Amino acid sequence: MKSEMNFEELIQRHAERVFGSKAKAYVWLTSPRLALGGSTALECARVEAGYLTVKALLERMDHGYAS
């Protein structure tokens, strides 16, 4: 049985790890981002291409690059 991948859920978990709390992750995920063309991270993460873009932003932030 193959479960469907939920990109929004995956990005929420990743953001929680990066920001250290659900509350901080939620604020970042739901605020419009210039790096995402004015969309929120959750809006972008609904499709695989957007998920990969948001994941890359979070990974850069995790390594000390602001976004």
N, C-alpha and C. Protein backbone atom coordinates (compact mmCIF):
# COMPACT_ATOMS: atom_id res chain seq x y z
N MET A 1 0.84 -1.18 0.00
CA MET A 1 0.00 0.00 0.00
C MET A 1 0.89 1.25 0.00
N LYS A 2 0.74 2.08 -1.01
CA LYS A 2 1.55 3.28 -1.14
C LYS A 2 0.76 4.49 -0.66
N SER A 3 1.33 5.24 0.28
CA SER A 3 0.63 6.44 0.76
C SER A 3 1.05 7.64 -0.09
N GLU A 4 0.11 8.53 -0.32
CA GLU A 4 0.39 9.72 -1.11
C GLU A 4 1.22 10.69 -0.27
N MET A 5 2.21 11.26 -0.90
CA MET A 5 3.08 12.20 -0.22
C MET A 5 2.36 13.55 -0.08
N ASN A 6 2.35 14.08 1.12
CA ASN A 6 1.73 15.37 1.39
C ASN A 6 2.84 16.40 1.56
N PHE A 7 3.07 17.19 0.51
CA PHE A 7 4.17 18.14 0.54
C PHE A 7 4.00 19.21 1.62
N GLU A 8 2.77 19.64 1.87
CA GLU A 8 2.53 20.66 2.89
C GLU A 8 2.94 20.14 4.28
N GLU A 9 2.59 18.90 4.55
CA GLU A 9 2.96 18.30 5.84
C GLU A 9 4.47 18.18 5.98
N LEU A 10 5.11 17.74 4.91
CA LEU A 10 6.56 17.59 4.94
C LEU A 10 7.25 18.93 5.18
N ILE A 11 6.76 19.98 4.52
CA ILE A 11 7.41 21.28 4.66
C ILE A 11 7.15 21.85 6.05
N GLN A 12 5.98 21.57 6.62
CA GLN A 12 5.71 22.02 7.99
C GLN A 12 6.68 21.38 8.97
N ARG A 13 6.91 20.09 8.83
CA ARG A 13 7.86 19.39 9.72
C ARG A 13 9.27 19.95 9.56
N HIS A 14 9.66 20.18 8.31
CA HIS A 14 11.00 20.71 8.04
C HIS A 14 11.15 22.10 8.68
N ALA A 15 10.14 22.95 8.51
CA ALA A 15 10.17 24.30 9.09
C ALA A 15 10.24 24.25 10.61
N GLU A 16 9.52 23.33 11.21
CA GLU A 16 9.55 23.18 12.68
C GLU A 16 10.94 22.82 13.16
N ARG A 17 11.64 21.98 12.40
CA ARG A 17 13.02 21.62 12.78
C ARG A 17 13.93 22.85 12.64
N VAL A 18 13.77 23.61 11.56
CA VAL A 18 14.63 24.77 11.32
C VAL A 18 14.39 25.86 12.36
N PHE A 19 13.12 26.14 12.65
CA PHE A 19 12.79 27.25 13.56
C PHE A 19 12.72 26.84 15.02
N GLY A 20 12.65 25.56 15.30
CA GLY A 20 12.66 25.09 16.67
C GLY A 20 11.32 25.13 17.39
N SER A 21 10.27 25.58 16.70
CA SER A 21 8.95 25.57 17.32
C SER A 21 7.86 25.61 16.24
N LYS A 22 6.71 25.07 16.59
CA LYS A 22 5.59 25.08 15.66
C LYS A 22 5.10 26.51 15.40
N ALA A 23 5.10 27.33 16.45
CA ALA A 23 4.59 28.71 16.33
C ALA A 23 5.46 29.53 15.37
N LYS A 24 6.77 29.47 15.53
CA LYS A 24 7.67 30.23 14.66
C LYS A 24 7.59 29.71 13.22
N ALA A 25 7.52 28.39 13.08
CA ALA A 25 7.41 27.81 11.74
C ALA A 25 6.12 28.26 11.07
N TYR A 26 5.02 28.29 11.82
CA TYR A 26 3.72 28.69 11.27
C TYR A 26 3.76 30.12 10.74
N VAL A 27 4.38 31.01 11.50
CA VAL A 27 4.48 32.41 11.06
C VAL A 27 5.25 32.48 9.75
N TRP A 28 6.37 31.79 9.66
CA TRP A 28 7.18 31.83 8.45
C TRP A 28 6.43 31.19 7.28
N LEU A 29 5.79 30.07 7.53
CA LEU A 29 5.08 29.35 6.47
C LEU A 29 3.87 30.09 5.92
N THR A 30 3.27 30.95 6.72
CA THR A 30 2.03 31.61 6.30
C THR A 30 2.20 33.08 5.94
N SER A 31 3.44 33.57 5.97
CA SER A 31 3.70 34.96 5.59
C SER A 31 4.20 35.00 4.14
N PRO A 32 3.73 35.98 3.36
CA PRO A 32 4.20 36.10 1.98
C PRO A 32 5.72 36.31 1.94
N ARG A 33 6.36 35.67 0.99
CA ARG A 33 7.82 35.72 0.87
C ARG A 33 8.21 36.27 -0.50
N LEU A 34 9.09 37.27 -0.53
CA LEU A 34 9.60 37.79 -1.79
C LEU A 34 10.28 36.68 -2.60
N ALA A 35 11.01 35.84 -1.91
CA ALA A 35 11.72 34.74 -2.58
C ALA A 35 10.78 33.75 -3.26
N LEU A 36 9.50 33.82 -2.90
CA LEU A 36 8.50 32.92 -3.48
C LEU A 36 7.50 33.72 -4.32
N GLY A 37 7.91 34.88 -4.80
CA GLY A 37 7.06 35.68 -5.66
C GLY A 37 5.86 36.26 -4.94
N GLY A 38 5.96 36.44 -3.63
CA GLY A 38 4.87 36.99 -2.85
C GLY A 38 3.90 35.95 -2.32
N SER A 39 4.12 34.71 -2.63
CA SER A 39 3.27 33.62 -2.12
C SER A 39 3.80 33.17 -0.77
N THR A 40 2.98 32.43 -0.05
CA THR A 40 3.45 31.85 1.21
C THR A 40 4.10 30.51 0.91
N ALA A 41 4.90 30.06 1.85
CA ALA A 41 5.57 28.76 1.69
C ALA A 41 4.54 27.63 1.59
N LEU A 42 3.48 27.72 2.38
CA LEU A 42 2.45 26.66 2.33
C LEU A 42 1.73 26.64 0.99
N GLU A 43 1.48 27.81 0.42
CA GLU A 43 0.84 27.85 -0.90
C GLU A 43 1.74 27.17 -1.93
N CYS A 44 3.01 27.48 -1.88
CA CYS A 44 3.96 26.90 -2.84
C CYS A 44 4.12 25.39 -2.67
N ALA A 45 4.07 24.95 -1.42
CA ALA A 45 4.35 23.54 -1.11
C ALA A 45 3.20 22.61 -1.50
N ARG A 46 2.15 23.13 -2.09
CA ARG A 46 1.04 22.27 -2.51
C ARG A 46 1.41 21.38 -3.70
N VAL A 47 2.42 21.80 -4.45
CA VAL A 47 2.88 21.01 -5.60
C VAL A 47 4.35 20.70 -5.43
N GLU A 48 4.82 19.65 -6.09
CA GLU A 48 6.19 19.19 -5.88
C GLU A 48 7.24 20.25 -6.20
N ALA A 49 7.10 20.96 -7.31
CA ALA A 49 8.10 21.97 -7.68
C ALA A 49 8.19 23.06 -6.61
N GLY A 50 7.06 23.52 -6.10
CA GLY A 50 7.05 24.53 -5.06
C GLY A 50 7.62 24.00 -3.76
N TYR A 51 7.28 22.76 -3.45
CA TYR A 51 7.82 22.11 -2.25
C TYR A 51 9.35 22.11 -2.29
N LEU A 52 9.90 21.76 -3.44
CA LEU A 52 11.36 21.69 -3.57
C LEU A 52 11.99 23.08 -3.41
N THR A 53 11.32 24.11 -3.91
CA THR A 53 11.80 25.47 -3.76
C THR A 53 11.80 25.89 -2.29
N VAL A 54 10.71 25.63 -1.60
CA VAL A 54 10.59 25.98 -0.18
C VAL A 54 11.60 25.18 0.64
N LYS A 55 11.75 23.92 0.32
CA LYS A 55 12.71 23.07 1.02
C LYS A 55 14.12 23.64 0.88
N ALA A 56 14.46 24.09 -0.32
CA ALA A 56 15.79 24.68 -0.55
C ALA A 56 15.96 25.95 0.28
N LEU A 57 14.92 26.79 0.37
CA LEU A 57 14.99 28.00 1.21
C LEU A 57 15.25 27.63 2.67
N LEU A 58 14.50 26.66 3.16
CA LEU A 58 14.67 26.24 4.55
C LEU A 58 16.06 25.67 4.79
N GLU A 59 16.60 24.93 3.85
CA GLU A 59 17.93 24.36 4.01
C GLU A 59 18.99 25.47 4.04
N ARG A 60 18.80 26.49 3.20
CA ARG A 60 19.73 27.63 3.22
C ARG A 60 19.67 28.34 4.57
N MET A 61 18.46 28.53 5.09
CA MET A 61 18.30 29.17 6.39
C MET A 61 18.93 28.35 7.50
N ASP A 62 18.76 27.04 7.40
CA ASP A 62 19.31 26.14 8.41
C ASP A 62 20.83 26.20 8.44
N HIS A 63 21.41 26.57 7.29
CA HIS A 63 22.87 26.67 7.19
C HIS A 63 23.37 28.10 7.38
N GLY A 64 22.47 28.99 7.82
CA GLY A 64 22.89 30.34 8.17
C GLY A 64 22.63 31.42 7.15
N TYR A 65 21.96 31.10 6.06
CA TYR A 65 21.64 32.11 5.05
C TYR A 65 20.22 32.58 5.25
N ALA A 66 20.03 33.88 5.46
CA ALA A 66 18.69 34.44 5.72
C ALA A 66 17.84 34.42 4.46
N SER A 67 16.51 34.30 4.69
CA SER A 67 15.57 34.33 3.57
C SER A 67 14.24 34.84 4.04
